[in-house]
Amino acid sequence: MTLPTSENERSQTRRQFLRLTSTLTFASTCGHNVLAATATTAPAVTTPPALMQIGILLSTFVRPPLEARLDAAKAAGLLHIQLALDCVAGPMMPDKIPPDFAARIRRETTARGITVASLQGTFNMCHPDAAQRETGLRRLGVLAGLCQELGVPRIHLCSGTRDRTSMWRRHPDNDLPDAWKDMVASMRAATEIARQAGVVVAFEPEVNNVVDSALKARRLLDEIGSPHLKVTMDAANLFHKGELPRMAEILDQAFALIGKDIVMAHAKDLDRDGDAGHKAAGEGKLDYDRYLSLLHTHGFRGPIFLHGLSEAQVPKCAAFLREKLARAVAASARPVR
């Protein structure tokens, strides 16, 4: 480097240095502000657990009050629950939350070391009566507010059906464009409720609903395009009539399409295709080795809830799920030859 020799050159150099210092100070301040803003808005980064967290739908235990149900879950070693509010008191989708409701849930779950991983918020998001859909969305807002009080991160949903009396019964109009349009409008509104509450809503692809496949689930996720809309996977609900012989192919395709968007999973079974599964895990035809392996290899470490079983079946099904999960994890750790 050549040093300045004249006074004029030295003055110019000093001015350049001062301008450079000012620019660097401004850039540093802006950078600090950007980092500070990012720190306040970005979600906290947490290390995911090494294994899936096995839990249960608390409504499996038909023994009020809430405290007795929680005792039964703890006795079974199932410390993660999906909670339907009718397990506490009143309707599953209330118009308002009674005083001290949240405090009771928090007190009783904390005392037993139980985590409420999700609230159950299913309503018919594609009901042919718009007033029914609006009522469901209003009540979903009530649930979202309770999530904020409890620190619960997720609400479980279904996409619904055109059937007027059951949101789990298929209707021929489910495949019509108007059904899709109404369901998307409901799901978009639900996602906005979730965004405002800082939670996630997770819908379940189900053969009797409008979103009856992983392909339609992918379409819905892309159409809404929000990090507050995710998927609950229940592999026993994916098989249309005649598809059971293609189980491996359909499971693989489903995870290829939506595996990265799964935040919850259900564990039940099926004895036939063309309908949702209604059997306890391990009591039907679902390939649990493949199902759990796909969940694990796609990075799912969230809660997997036992579902569709009686209380008497809980110990056997929990043991079955633990054994299958351990096998899936061990298989993924073996070196490829």
C-alpha atoms as a PDB file:
ATOM      1  CA  MET A   1       0.000   0.000   0.000  1.00  0.00           C
ATOM      2  CA  THR A   2       1.287   3.534  -0.853  1.00  0.00           C
ATOM      3  CA  LEU A   3       1.021   6.055   2.023  1.00  0.00           C
ATOM      4  CA  PRO A   4      -0.223   9.643   1.316  1.00  0.00           C
ATOM      5  CA  THR A   5       2.598  12.151   1.195  1.00  0.00           C
ATOM      6  CA  SER A   6       1.018  15.624   0.849  1.00  0.00           C
ATOM      7  CA  GLU A   7      -1.259  17.375   3.337  1.00  0.00           C
ATOM      8  CA  ASN A   8      -4.033  17.420   0.719  1.00  0.00           C
ATOM      9  CA  GLU A   9      -3.793  13.672   0.207  1.00  0.00           C
ATOM     10  CA  ARG A  10      -3.804  13.147   3.972  1.00  0.00           C
ATOM     11  CA  SER A  11      -6.969  15.270   4.331  1.00  0.00           C
ATOM     12  CA  GLN A  12      -8.722  13.303   1.616  1.00  0.00           C
ATOM     13  CA  THR A  13      -7.723  10.062   3.295  1.00  0.00           C
ATOM     14  CA  ARG A  14      -9.114  11.252   6.646  1.00  0.00           C
ATOM     15  CA  ARG A  15     -12.440  12.201   5.011  1.00  0.00           C
ATOM     16  CA  GLN A  16     -12.658   8.794   3.295  1.00  0.00           C
ATOM     17  CA  PHE A  17     -11.934   7.070   6.603  1.00  0.00           C
ATOM     18  CA  LEU A  18     -14.655   9.030   8.400  1.00  0.00           C
ATOM     19  CA  ARG A  19     -17.202   8.252   5.664  1.00  0.00           C
ATOM     20  CA  LEU A  20     -16.285   4.561   5.843  1.00  0.00           C
ATOM     21  CA  THR A  21     -16.587   4.556   9.648  1.00  0.00           C
ATOM     22  CA  SER A  22     -20.021   6.190   9.451  1.00  0.00           C
ATOM     23  CA  THR A  23     -21.193   3.657   6.863  1.00  0.00           C
ATOM     24  CA  LEU A  24     -19.967   0.712   8.915  1.00  0.00           C
ATOM     25  CA  THR A  25     -21.631   2.075  12.070  1.00  0.00           C
ATOM     26  CA  PHE A  26     -24.954   2.502  10.241  1.00  0.00           C
ATOM     27  CA  ALA A  27     -24.736  -0.985   8.750  1.00  0.00           C
ATOM     28  CA  SER A  28     -23.903  -2.472  12.115  1.00  0.00           C
ATOM     29  CA  THR A  29     -26.860  -0.712  13.752  1.00  0.00           C
ATOM     30  CA  CYS A  30     -29.239  -1.858  11.000  1.00  0.00           C
ATOM     31  CA  GLY A  31     -27.926  -5.382  11.239  1.00  0.00           C
ATOM     32  CA  HIS A  32     -28.447  -5.369  14.986  1.00  0.00           C
ATOM     33  CA  ASN A  33     -32.004  -4.137  14.539  1.00  0.00           C
ATOM     34  CA  VAL A  34     -32.752  -6.823  11.955  1.00  0.00           C
ATOM     35  CA  LEU A  35     -31.343  -9.505  14.221  1.00  0.00           C
ATOM     36  CA  ALA A  36     -33.327  -8.173  17.159  1.00  0.00           C
ATOM     37  CA  ALA A  37     -36.535  -8.174  15.116  1.00  0.00           C
ATOM     38  CA  THR A  38     -35.828 -11.701  13.934  1.00  0.00           C
ATOM     39  CA  ALA A  39     -35.208 -12.834  17.487  1.00  0.00           C
ATOM     40  CA  THR A  40     -38.623 -11.602  18.575  1.00  0.00           C
ATOM     41  CA  THR A  41     -40.592 -13.060  15.671  1.00  0.00           C
ATOM     42  CA  ALA A  42     -38.892 -16.314  14.723  1.00  0.00           C
ATOM     43  CA  PRO A  43     -40.096 -19.479  16.471  1.00  0.00           C
ATOM     44  CA  ALA A  44     -37.793 -20.973  19.038  1.00  0.00           C
ATOM     45  CA  VAL A  45     -35.544 -23.728  17.735  1.00  0.00           C
ATOM     46  CA  THR A  46     -35.823 -26.852  19.857  1.00  0.00           C
ATOM     47  CA  THR A  47     -34.122 -30.196  19.574  1.00  0.00           C
ATOM     48  CA  PRO A  48     -36.702 -32.817  18.532  1.00  0.00           C
ATOM     49  CA  PRO A  49     -36.937 -35.966  20.635  1.00  0.00           C
ATOM     50  CA  ALA A  50     -35.126 -39.044  19.344  1.00  0.00           C
ATOM     51  CA  LEU A  51     -38.317 -41.098  19.205  1.00  0.00           C
ATOM     52  CA  MET A  52     -41.986 -40.537  18.565  1.00  0.00           C
ATOM     53  CA  GLN A  53     -44.002 -39.713  21.645  1.00  0.00           C
ATOM     54  CA  ILE A  54     -46.667 -42.366  22.193  1.00  0.00           C
ATOM     55  CA  GLY A  55     -49.954 -41.025  23.476  1.00  0.00           C
ATOM     56  CA  ILE A  56     -53.685 -41.586  23.369  1.00  0.00           C
ATOM     57  CA  LEU A  57     -57.009 -39.880  22.744  1.00  0.00           C
ATOM     58  CA  LEU A  58     -58.140 -39.259  26.306  1.00  0.00           C
ATOM     59  CA  SER A  59     -61.743 -40.064  25.360  1.00  0.00           C
ATOM     60  CA  THR A  60     -60.636 -43.728  25.143  1.00  0.00           C
ATOM     61  CA  PHE A  61     -61.058 -43.812  28.928  1.00  0.00           C
ATOM     62  CA  VAL A  62     -64.804 -43.673  29.540  1.00  0.00           C
ATOM     63  CA  ARG A  63     -64.662 -42.869  33.216  1.00  0.00           C
ATOM     64  CA  PRO A  64     -65.496 -39.325  34.268  1.00  0.00           C
ATOM     65  CA  PRO A  65     -64.353 -37.058  35.740  1.00  0.00           C
ATOM     66  CA  LEU A  66     -61.242 -35.678  34.018  1.00  0.00           C
ATOM     67  CA  GLU A  67     -59.000 -36.684  36.903  1.00  0.00           C
ATOM     68  CA  ALA A  68     -59.952 -40.382  36.611  1.00  0.00           C
ATOM     69  CA  ARG A  69     -59.262 -40.356  32.863  1.00  0.00           C
ATOM     70  CA  LEU A  70     -55.850 -38.781  33.438  1.00  0.00           C
ATOM     71  CA  ASP A  71     -55.053 -41.352  36.127  1.00  0.00           C
ATOM     72  CA  ALA A  72     -55.868 -44.132  33.639  1.00  0.00           C
ATOM     73  CA  ALA A  73     -53.617 -42.619  30.962  1.00  0.00           C
ATOM     74  CA  LYS A  74     -50.750 -42.268  33.422  1.00  0.00           C
ATOM     75  CA  ALA A  75     -51.209 -45.834  34.672  1.00  0.00           C
ATOM     76  CA  ALA A  76     -50.834 -47.009  31.061  1.00  0.00           C
ATOM     77  CA  GLY A  77     -47.618 -44.996  30.695  1.00  0.00           C
ATOM     78  CA  LEU A  78     -49.203 -42.707  28.087  1.00  0.00           C
ATOM     79  CA  LEU A  79     -48.183 -39.189  29.020  1.00  0.00           C
ATOM     80  CA  HIS A  80     -49.187 -37.363  25.801  1.00  0.00           C
ATOM     81  CA  ILE A  81     -52.881 -36.860  25.101  1.00  0.00           C
ATOM     82  CA  GLN A  82     -55.229 -35.492  22.487  1.00  0.00           C
ATOM     83  CA  LEU A  83     -57.925 -33.846  24.557  1.00  0.00           C
ATOM     84  CA  ALA A  84     -61.575 -33.487  23.600  1.00  0.00           C
ATOM     85  CA  LEU A  85     -63.226 -30.971  25.897  1.00  0.00           C
ATOM     86  CA  ASP A  86     -66.158 -33.266  26.632  1.00  0.00           C
ATOM     87  CA  CYS A  87     -63.629 -35.252  28.673  1.00  0.00           C
ATOM     88  CA  VAL A  88     -63.571 -32.286  31.044  1.00  0.00           C
ATOM     89  CA  ALA A  89     -67.163 -31.047  31.034  1.00  0.00           C
ATOM     90  CA  GLY A  90     -69.815 -29.959  28.581  1.00  0.00           C
ATOM     91  CA  PRO A  91     -69.615 -30.200  24.765  1.00  0.00           C
ATOM     92  CA  MET A  92     -66.511 -30.958  22.729  1.00  0.00           C
ATOM     93  CA  MET A  93     -66.893 -27.652  20.841  1.00  0.00           C
ATOM     94  CA  PRO A  94     -68.283 -25.139  23.360  1.00  0.00           C
ATOM     95  CA  ASP A  95     -69.480 -21.605  22.656  1.00  0.00           C
ATOM     96  CA  LYS A  96     -67.510 -20.339  25.632  1.00  0.00           C
ATOM     97  CA  ILE A  97     -65.022 -21.618  28.182  1.00  0.00           C
ATOM     98  CA  PRO A  98     -66.218 -21.683  31.817  1.00  0.00           C
ATOM     99  CA  PRO A  99     -64.179 -19.851  34.476  1.00  0.00           C
ATOM    100  CA  ASP A 100     -61.250 -21.845  35.909  1.00  0.00           C
ATOM    101  CA  PHE A 101     -61.612 -24.417  33.096  1.00  0.00           C
ATOM    102  CA  ALA A 102     -58.055 -23.924  31.831  1.00  0.00           C
ATOM    103  CA  ALA A 103     -56.650 -23.766  35.359  1.00  0.00           C
ATOM    104  CA  ARG A 104     -58.188 -27.137  36.188  1.00  0.00           C
ATOM    105  CA  ILE A 105     -56.771 -28.800  33.069  1.00  0.00           C
ATOM    106  CA  ARG A 106     -53.329 -27.310  33.673  1.00  0.00           C
ATOM    107  CA  ARG A 107     -53.330 -28.254  37.353  1.00  0.00           C
ATOM    108  CA  GLU A 108     -54.435 -31.857  36.874  1.00  0.00           C
ATOM    109  CA  THR A 109     -52.220 -32.634  33.864  1.00  0.00           C
ATOM    110  CA  THR A 110     -49.156 -31.029  35.444  1.00  0.00           C
ATOM    111  CA  ALA A 111     -49.677 -32.980  38.661  1.00  0.00           C
ATOM    112  CA  ARG A 112     -49.469 -36.223  36.658  1.00  0.00           C
ATOM    113  CA  GLY A 113     -46.695 -35.224  34.248  1.00  0.00           C
ATOM    114  CA  ILE A 114     -49.091 -35.407  31.285  1.00  0.00           C
ATOM    115  CA  THR A 115     -48.769 -33.185  28.220  1.00  0.00           C
ATOM    116  CA  VAL A 116     -51.815 -31.993  26.288  1.00  0.00           C
ATOM    117  CA  ALA A 117     -50.296 -32.275  22.813  1.00  0.00           C
ATOM    118  CA  SER A 118     -53.485 -31.398  20.922  1.00  0.00           C
ATOM    119  CA  LEU A 119     -57.073 -30.314  21.352  1.00  0.00           C
ATOM    120  CA  GLN A 120     -59.722 -32.075  19.306  1.00  0.00           C
ATOM    121  CA  GLY A 121     -61.573 -29.541  17.157  1.00  0.00           C
ATOM    122  CA  THR A 122     -63.286 -31.635  14.497  1.00  0.00           C
ATOM    123  CA  PHE A 123     -66.453 -30.245  12.950  1.00  0.00           C
ATOM    124  CA  ASN A 124     -67.963 -30.631   9.497  1.00  0.00           C
ATOM    125  CA  MET A 125     -65.985 -28.084   7.486  1.00  0.00           C
ATOM    126  CA  CYS A 126     -67.937 -28.955   4.344  1.00  0.00           C
ATOM    127  CA  HIS A 127     -71.468 -29.164   5.735  1.00  0.00           C
ATOM    128  CA  PRO A 128     -73.968 -28.137   3.027  1.00  0.00           C
ATOM    129  CA  ASP A 129     -75.471 -25.614   5.456  1.00  0.00           C
ATOM    130  CA  ALA A 130     -73.214 -22.532   5.606  1.00  0.00           C
ATOM    131  CA  ALA A 131     -74.588 -21.652   9.061  1.00  0.00           C
ATOM    132  CA  GLN A 132     -73.280 -24.972  10.399  1.00  0.00           C
ATOM    133  CA  ARG A 133     -69.822 -24.213   9.042  1.00  0.00           C
ATOM    134  CA  GLU A 134     -69.860 -20.719  10.540  1.00  0.00           C
ATOM    135  CA  THR A 135     -70.850 -22.102  13.937  1.00  0.00           C
ATOM    136  CA  GLY A 136     -67.982 -24.588  13.801  1.00  0.00           C
ATOM    137  CA  LEU A 137     -65.495 -21.832  12.947  1.00  0.00           C
ATOM    138  CA  ARG A 138     -66.741 -19.629  15.765  1.00  0.00           C
ATOM    139  CA  ARG A 139     -66.285 -22.470  18.237  1.00  0.00           C
ATOM    140  CA  LEU A 140     -62.866 -23.242  16.783  1.00  0.00           C
ATOM    141  CA  GLY A 141     -61.907 -19.713  17.746  1.00  0.00           C
ATOM    142  CA  VAL A 142     -62.918 -20.534  21.326  1.00  0.00           C
ATOM    143  CA  LEU A 143     -60.674 -23.617  21.259  1.00  0.00           C
ATOM    144  CA  ALA A 144     -57.789 -21.587  19.856  1.00  0.00           C
ATOM    145  CA  GLY A 145     -58.105 -19.167  22.753  1.00  0.00           C
ATOM    146  CA  LEU A 146     -57.970 -22.092  25.185  1.00  0.00           C
ATOM    147  CA  CYS A 147     -54.838 -23.356  23.418  1.00  0.00           C
ATOM    148  CA  GLN A 148     -53.195 -20.022  24.190  1.00  0.00           C
ATOM    149  CA  GLU A 149     -54.112 -20.310  27.874  1.00  0.00           C
ATOM    150  CA  LEU A 150     -52.875 -23.902  28.126  1.00  0.00           C
ATOM    151  CA  GLY A 151     -49.840 -23.641  25.861  1.00  0.00           C
ATOM    152  CA  VAL A 152     -51.226 -26.365  23.574  1.00  0.00           C
ATOM    153  CA  PRO A 153     -49.626 -26.074  20.107  1.00  0.00           C
ATOM    154  CA  ARG A 154     -52.136 -27.937  17.886  1.00  0.00           C
ATOM    155  CA  ILE A 155     -55.799 -28.482  17.094  1.00  0.00           C
ATOM    156  CA  HIS A 156     -56.916 -31.597  15.226  1.00  0.00           C
ATOM    157  CA  LEU A 157     -59.420 -31.117  12.362  1.00  0.00           C
ATOM    158  CA  CYS A 158     -61.174 -33.040   9.608  1.00  0.00           C
ATOM    159  CA  SER A 159     -62.086 -31.680   6.162  1.00  0.00           C
ATOM    160  CA  GLY A 160     -65.708 -32.808   6.422  1.00  0.00           C
ATOM    161  CA  THR A 161     -68.320 -34.205   4.062  1.00  0.00           C
ATOM    162  CA  ARG A 162     -71.553 -33.190   2.350  1.00  0.00           C
ATOM    163  CA  ASP A 163     -73.433 -35.668   4.526  1.00  0.00           C
ATOM    164  CA  ARG A 164     -75.784 -33.703   6.800  1.00  0.00           C
ATOM    165  CA  THR A 165     -75.878 -36.068   9.764  1.00  0.00           C
ATOM    166  CA  SER A 166     -72.338 -37.468  10.122  1.00  0.00           C
ATOM    167  CA  MET A 167     -68.991 -35.849   9.315  1.00  0.00           C
ATOM    168  CA  TRP A 168     -67.499 -39.347   8.963  1.00  0.00           C
ATOM    169  CA  ARG A 169     -69.882 -40.620   6.275  1.00  0.00           C
ATOM    170  CA  ARG A 170     -69.015 -40.348   2.603  1.00  0.00           C
ATOM    171  CA  HIS A 171     -71.389 -38.485   0.287  1.00  0.00           C
ATOM    172  CA  PRO A 172     -71.373 -38.578  -3.541  1.00  0.00           C
ATOM    173  CA  ASP A 173     -71.267 -34.762  -3.659  1.00  0.00           C
ATOM    174  CA  ASN A 174     -67.877 -34.729  -1.901  1.00  0.00           C
ATOM    175  CA  ASP A 175     -66.153 -34.813  -5.295  1.00  0.00           C
ATOM    176  CA  LEU A 176     -68.020 -31.815  -6.735  1.00  0.00           C
ATOM    177  CA  PRO A 177     -66.186 -28.478  -7.196  1.00  0.00           C
ATOM    178  CA  ASP A 178     -68.570 -26.661  -4.837  1.00  0.00           C
ATOM    179  CA  ALA A 179     -67.716 -29.084  -2.024  1.00  0.00           C
ATOM    180  CA  TRP A 180     -64.011 -28.380  -2.466  1.00  0.00           C
ATOM    181  CA  LYS A 181     -64.667 -24.627  -2.617  1.00  0.00           C
ATOM    182  CA  ASP A 182     -66.670 -24.602   0.627  1.00  0.00           C
ATOM    183  CA  MET A 183     -64.155 -26.812   2.420  1.00  0.00           C
ATOM    184  CA  VAL A 184     -61.210 -24.622   1.334  1.00  0.00           C
ATOM    185  CA  ALA A 185     -63.025 -21.505   2.523  1.00  0.00           C
ATOM    186  CA  SER A 186     -63.559 -23.132   5.940  1.00  0.00           C
ATOM    187  CA  MET A 187     -59.977 -24.356   6.103  1.00  0.00           C
ATOM    188  CA  ARG A 188     -58.625 -20.944   5.136  1.00  0.00           C
ATOM    189  CA  ALA A 189     -60.673 -19.318   7.909  1.00  0.00           C
ATOM    190  CA  ALA A 190     -59.504 -21.994  10.389  1.00  0.00           C
ATOM    191  CA  THR A 191     -55.892 -21.382   9.401  1.00  0.00           C
ATOM    192  CA  GLU A 192     -56.292 -17.653  10.014  1.00  0.00           C
ATOM    193  CA  ILE A 193     -57.751 -18.394  13.460  1.00  0.00           C
ATOM    194  CA  ALA A 194     -54.697 -20.579  14.129  1.00  0.00           C
ATOM    195  CA  ARG A 195     -52.304 -17.887  12.891  1.00  0.00           C
ATOM    196  CA  GLN A 196     -53.793 -15.277  15.192  1.00  0.00           C
ATOM    197  CA  ALA A 197     -53.604 -17.672  18.151  1.00  0.00           C
ATOM    198  CA  GLY A 198     -50.058 -18.813  17.337  1.00  0.00           C
ATOM    199  CA  VAL A 199     -51.048 -22.475  16.946  1.00  0.00           C
ATOM    200  CA  VAL A 200     -51.291 -25.072  14.163  1.00  0.00           C
ATOM    201  CA  VAL A 201     -54.418 -26.760  12.840  1.00  0.00           C
ATOM    202  CA  ALA A 202     -53.809 -30.274  11.499  1.00  0.00           C
ATOM    203  CA  PHE A 203     -56.375 -31.937   9.232  1.00  0.00           C
ATOM    204  CA  GLU A 204     -56.660 -35.665   8.634  1.00  0.00           C
ATOM    205  CA  PRO A 205     -56.956 -37.165   5.111  1.00  0.00           C
ATOM    206  CA  GLU A 206     -59.826 -39.656   5.354  1.00  0.00           C
ATOM    207  CA  VAL A 207     -61.565 -41.718   2.657  1.00  0.00           C
ATOM    208  CA  ASN A 208     -65.045 -40.531   3.701  1.00  0.00           C
ATOM    209  CA  ASN A 209     -64.158 -36.830   3.690  1.00  0.00           C
ATOM    210  CA  VAL A 210     -63.570 -34.286   0.937  1.00  0.00           C
ATOM    211  CA  VAL A 211     -59.815 -34.584   1.446  1.00  0.00           C
ATOM    212  CA  ASP A 212     -59.844 -38.344   0.910  1.00  0.00           C
ATOM    213  CA  SER A 213     -56.246 -38.932  -0.188  1.00  0.00           C
ATOM    214  CA  ALA A 214     -52.695 -37.710   0.249  1.00  0.00           C
ATOM    215  CA  LEU A 215     -52.880 -36.182  -3.224  1.00  0.00           C
ATOM    216  CA  LYS A 216     -55.814 -33.969  -2.193  1.00  0.00           C
ATOM    217  CA  ALA A 217     -54.060 -33.179   1.069  1.00  0.00           C
ATOM    218  CA  ARG A 218     -51.070 -31.912  -0.900  1.00  0.00           C
ATOM    219  CA  ARG A 219     -53.383 -29.835  -3.081  1.00  0.00           C
ATOM    220  CA  LEU A 220     -55.015 -28.282  -0.010  1.00  0.00           C
ATOM    221  CA  LEU A 221     -51.691 -27.496   1.671  1.00  0.00           C
ATOM    222  CA  ASP A 222     -50.420 -25.826  -1.484  1.00  0.00           C
ATOM    223  CA  GLU A 223     -53.635 -23.876  -1.998  1.00  0.00           C
ATOM    224  CA  ILE A 224     -53.655 -22.470   1.549  1.00  0.00           C
ATOM    225  CA  GLY A 225     -49.885 -22.071   1.737  1.00  0.00           C
ATOM    226  CA  SER A 226     -49.547 -21.419   5.465  1.00  0.00           C
ATOM    227  CA  PRO A 227     -47.175 -22.790   8.125  1.00  0.00           C
ATOM    228  CA  HIS A 228     -50.197 -22.870  10.447  1.00  0.00           C
ATOM    229  CA  LEU A 229     -51.867 -25.642   8.408  1.00  0.00           C
ATOM    230  CA  LYS A 230     -50.431 -29.153   8.746  1.00  0.00           C
ATOM    231  CA  VAL A 231     -51.459 -32.814   8.639  1.00  0.00           C
ATOM    232  CA  THR A 232     -52.541 -35.507  11.072  1.00  0.00           C
ATOM    233  CA  MET A 233     -51.620 -38.853   9.519  1.00  0.00           C
ATOM    234  CA  ASP A 234     -53.786 -41.913  10.096  1.00  0.00           C
ATOM    235  CA  ALA A 235     -52.643 -44.634   7.707  1.00  0.00           C
ATOM    236  CA  ALA A 236     -55.769 -46.687   8.409  1.00  0.00           C
ATOM    237  CA  ASN A 237     -57.867 -44.021   6.670  1.00  0.00           C
ATOM    238  CA  LEU A 238     -56.128 -43.878   3.285  1.00  0.00           C
ATOM    239  CA  PHE A 239     -57.383 -46.899   1.345  1.00  0.00           C
ATOM    240  CA  HIS A 240     -60.231 -46.615  -1.130  1.00  0.00           C
ATOM    241  CA  LYS A 241     -62.093 -49.702  -2.250  1.00  0.00           C
ATOM    242  CA  GLY A 242     -59.793 -52.172  -3.974  1.00  0.00           C
ATOM    243  CA  GLU A 243     -56.572 -50.490  -2.813  1.00  0.00           C
ATOM    244  CA  LEU A 244     -55.456 -52.769   0.037  1.00  0.00           C
ATOM    245  CA  PRO A 245     -53.345 -54.980  -2.290  1.00  0.00           C
ATOM    246  CA  ARG A 246     -51.355 -51.789  -3.085  1.00  0.00           C
ATOM    247  CA  MET A 247     -50.794 -50.875   0.558  1.00  0.00           C
ATOM    248  CA  ALA A 248     -47.015 -50.432   0.341  1.00  0.00           C
ATOM    249  CA  GLU A 249     -47.266 -48.295  -2.782  1.00  0.00           C
ATOM    250  CA  ILE A 250     -50.025 -46.079  -1.368  1.00  0.00           C
ATOM    251  CA  LEU A 251     -48.212 -45.560   1.946  1.00  0.00           C
ATOM    252  CA  ASP A 252     -44.981 -44.677   0.148  1.00  0.00           C
ATOM    253  CA  GLN A 253     -46.783 -42.225  -2.139  1.00  0.00           C
ATOM    254  CA  ALA A 254     -48.595 -40.609   0.777  1.00  0.00           C
ATOM    255  CA  PHE A 255     -45.381 -39.912   2.652  1.00  0.00           C
ATOM    256  CA  ALA A 256     -43.652 -38.679  -0.488  1.00  0.00           C
ATOM    257  CA  LEU A 257     -46.462 -36.149  -0.925  1.00  0.00           C
ATOM    258  CA  ILE A 258     -47.126 -34.960   2.635  1.00  0.00           C
ATOM    259  CA  GLY A 259     -44.532 -36.573   4.892  1.00  0.00           C
ATOM    260  CA  LYS A 260     -42.802 -33.275   5.636  1.00  0.00           C
ATOM    261  CA  ASP A 261     -46.094 -31.682   6.756  1.00  0.00           C
ATOM    262  CA  ILE A 262     -47.135 -34.323   9.316  1.00  0.00           C
ATOM    263  CA  VAL A 263     -47.218 -32.940  12.870  1.00  0.00           C
ATOM    264  CA  MET A 264     -49.422 -35.597  14.498  1.00  0.00           C
ATOM    265  CA  ALA A 265     -50.244 -39.237  13.832  1.00  0.00           C
ATOM    266  CA  HIS A 266     -52.968 -41.678  14.854  1.00  0.00           C
ATOM    267  CA  ALA A 267     -52.482 -45.362  15.548  1.00  0.00           C
ATOM    268  CA  LYS A 268     -55.450 -47.568  14.775  1.00  0.00           C
ATOM    269  CA  ASP A 269     -56.119 -50.356  12.257  1.00  0.00           C
ATOM    270  CA  LEU A 270     -58.483 -51.522   9.521  1.00  0.00           C
ATOM    271  CA  ASP A 271     -60.015 -54.789   8.396  1.00  0.00           C
ATOM    272  CA  ARG A 272     -61.223 -53.650   4.959  1.00  0.00           C
ATOM    273  CA  ASP A 273     -60.662 -50.896   2.444  1.00  0.00           C
ATOM    274  CA  GLY A 274     -63.190 -48.332   1.239  1.00  0.00           C
ATOM    275  CA  ASP A 275     -63.842 -46.986   4.743  1.00  0.00           C
ATOM    276  CA  ALA A 276     -61.958 -45.502   7.667  1.00  0.00           C
ATOM    277  CA  GLY A 277     -60.299 -47.973  10.002  1.00  0.00           C
ATOM    278  CA  HIS A 278     -62.198 -48.935  13.133  1.00  0.00           C
ATOM    279  CA  LYS A 279     -59.902 -51.567  14.655  1.00  0.00           C
ATOM    280  CA  ALA A 280     -57.394 -51.287  17.474  1.00  0.00           C
ATOM    281  CA  ALA A 281     -53.724 -51.018  16.483  1.00  0.00           C
ATOM    282  CA  GLY A 282     -52.315 -54.451  15.684  1.00  0.00           C
ATOM    283  CA  GLU A 283     -55.768 -56.027  15.308  1.00  0.00           C
ATOM    284  CA  GLY A 284     -56.136 -55.531  11.547  1.00  0.00           C
ATOM    285  CA  LYS A 285     -54.322 -55.461   8.220  1.00  0.00           C
ATOM    286  CA  LEU A 286     -52.256 -52.261   8.388  1.00  0.00           C
ATOM    287  CA  ASP A 287     -48.534 -52.773   7.785  1.00  0.00           C
ATOM    288  CA  TYR A 288     -47.306 -51.125  10.977  1.00  0.00           C
ATOM    289  CA  ASP A 289     -43.646 -51.870  10.242  1.00  0.00           C
ATOM    290  CA  ARG A 290     -43.866 -49.799   7.080  1.00  0.00           C
ATOM    291  CA  TYR A 291     -46.102 -47.103   8.588  1.00  0.00           C
ATOM    292  CA  LEU A 292     -43.836 -46.419  11.554  1.00  0.00           C
ATOM    293  CA  SER A 293     -40.691 -46.731   9.460  1.00  0.00           C
ATOM    294  CA  LEU A 294     -42.015 -44.077   7.065  1.00  0.00           C
ATOM    295  CA  LEU A 295     -42.926 -41.782   9.944  1.00  0.00           C
ATOM    296  CA  HIS A 296     -39.466 -42.183  11.451  1.00  0.00           C
ATOM    297  CA  THR A 297     -37.465 -41.797   8.243  1.00  0.00           C
ATOM    298  CA  HIS A 298     -39.436 -38.668   7.319  1.00  0.00           C
ATOM    299  CA  GLY A 299     -38.306 -37.082  10.565  1.00  0.00           C
ATOM    300  CA  PHE A 300     -41.589 -37.303  12.465  1.00  0.00           C
ATOM    301  CA  ARG A 301     -40.923 -37.086  16.191  1.00  0.00           C
ATOM    302  CA  GLY A 302     -44.299 -35.791  17.313  1.00  0.00           C
ATOM    303  CA  PRO A 303     -47.085 -37.499  19.211  1.00  0.00           C
ATOM    304  CA  ILE A 304     -48.666 -40.677  17.805  1.00  0.00           C
ATOM    305  CA  PHE A 305     -52.010 -41.258  19.501  1.00  0.00           C
ATOM    306  CA  LEU A 306     -53.645 -44.632  20.076  1.00  0.00           C
ATOM    307  CA  HIS A 307     -57.176 -44.352  18.756  1.00  0.00           C
ATOM    308  CA  GLY A 308     -60.212 -46.518  17.978  1.00  0.00           C
ATOM    309  CA  LEU A 309     -59.730 -48.951  20.850  1.00  0.00           C
ATOM    310  CA  SER A 310     -61.480 -49.846  24.074  1.00  0.00           C
ATOM    311  CA  GLU A 311     -59.963 -49.173  27.461  1.00  0.00           C
ATOM    312  CA  ALA A 312     -59.423 -52.907  27.931  1.00  0.00           C
ATOM    313  CA  GLN A 313     -57.281 -52.990  24.779  1.00  0.00           C
ATOM    314  CA  VAL A 314     -54.967 -50.163  25.867  1.00  0.00           C
ATOM    315  CA  PRO A 315     -52.176 -52.215  27.546  1.00  0.00           C
ATOM    316  CA  LYS A 316     -51.873 -54.660  24.642  1.00  0.00           C
ATOM    317  CA  CYS A 317     -51.992 -51.951  21.949  1.00  0.00           C
ATOM    318  CA  ALA A 318     -49.509 -49.719  23.772  1.00  0.00           C
ATOM    319  CA  ALA A 319     -47.069 -52.636  24.052  1.00  0.00           C
ATOM    320  CA  PHE A 320     -47.605 -53.442  20.357  1.00  0.00           C
ATOM    321  CA  LEU A 321     -46.877 -49.856  19.325  1.00  0.00           C
ATOM    322  CA  ARG A 322     -43.760 -49.603  21.489  1.00  0.00           C
ATOM    323  CA  GLU A 323     -42.374 -52.852  20.080  1.00  0.00           C
ATOM    324  CA  LYS A 324     -43.057 -51.840  16.474  1.00  0.00           C
ATOM    325  CA  LEU A 325     -41.583 -48.397  17.036  1.00  0.00           C
ATOM    326  CA  ALA A 326     -38.408 -49.828  18.551  1.00  0.00           C
ATOM    327  CA  ARG A 327     -38.104 -52.145  15.551  1.00  0.00           C
ATOM    328  CA  ALA A 328     -38.530 -49.269  13.090  1.00  0.00           C
ATOM    329  CA  VAL A 329     -35.875 -47.186  14.823  1.00  0.00           C
ATOM    330  CA  ALA A 330     -33.451 -50.129  14.990  1.00  0.00           C
ATOM    331  CA  ALA A 331     -33.968 -50.873  11.294  1.00  0.00           C
ATOM    332  CA  SER A 332     -33.222 -47.261  10.340  1.00  0.00           C
ATOM    333  CA  ALA A 333     -29.949 -47.384  12.300  1.00  0.00           C
ATOM    334  CA  ARG A 334     -28.564 -50.420  10.451  1.00  0.00           C
ATOM    335  CA  PRO A 335     -25.822 -49.613   7.915  1.00  0.00           C
ATOM    336  CA  VAL A 336     -26.795 -49.907   4.259  1.00  0.00           C
ATOM    337  CA  ARG A 337     -24.933 -52.713   2.473  1.00  0.00           C
END
